[in-house]
Amino acid sequence: MSSLPEAEQRVLETPFGPVVGSSYLWDGGQYCAIHTGRGVVGCGIFDLACADVFSMAFAICRGTPENPLVKPEDLFGAKVTAVSAAAGKMGVLPGMTGLEAIQLLQDPS
């Protein structure tokens, strides 16, 4: 019988307010994401074409096998490599850091 994956979800404090960080880890894989008031900064596992169908704001950061994105805090300094159309309309651009994307995706209220 295989064991269940490690799953974590918690509130993270950022300079722009609280966000929800989540991570999942199992034998052979992992992924993580940060959920804001208006969108998500996540690792490369997420499908931007699907996000675009639902007009969801997503910014994707990519790790490497040598330097994977495992915990949500890993996304803060990671470079955004791709964005959904909705995230682009909010000013999120490839090349910015995950933390910069969080600032733009955070609820403006």
Foldseek 3Di string as FASTA:
>chain_A
DADAWDKDWDWDQDPQGIWIKIKTGDVPDIWIWIGAPQAIEIEPPDDLVVCQVVLGWYFYFYDDPVGGDGTHVSQQATFGQDIHPNLVVLVDDGGDGSVVSRNSRHDPD
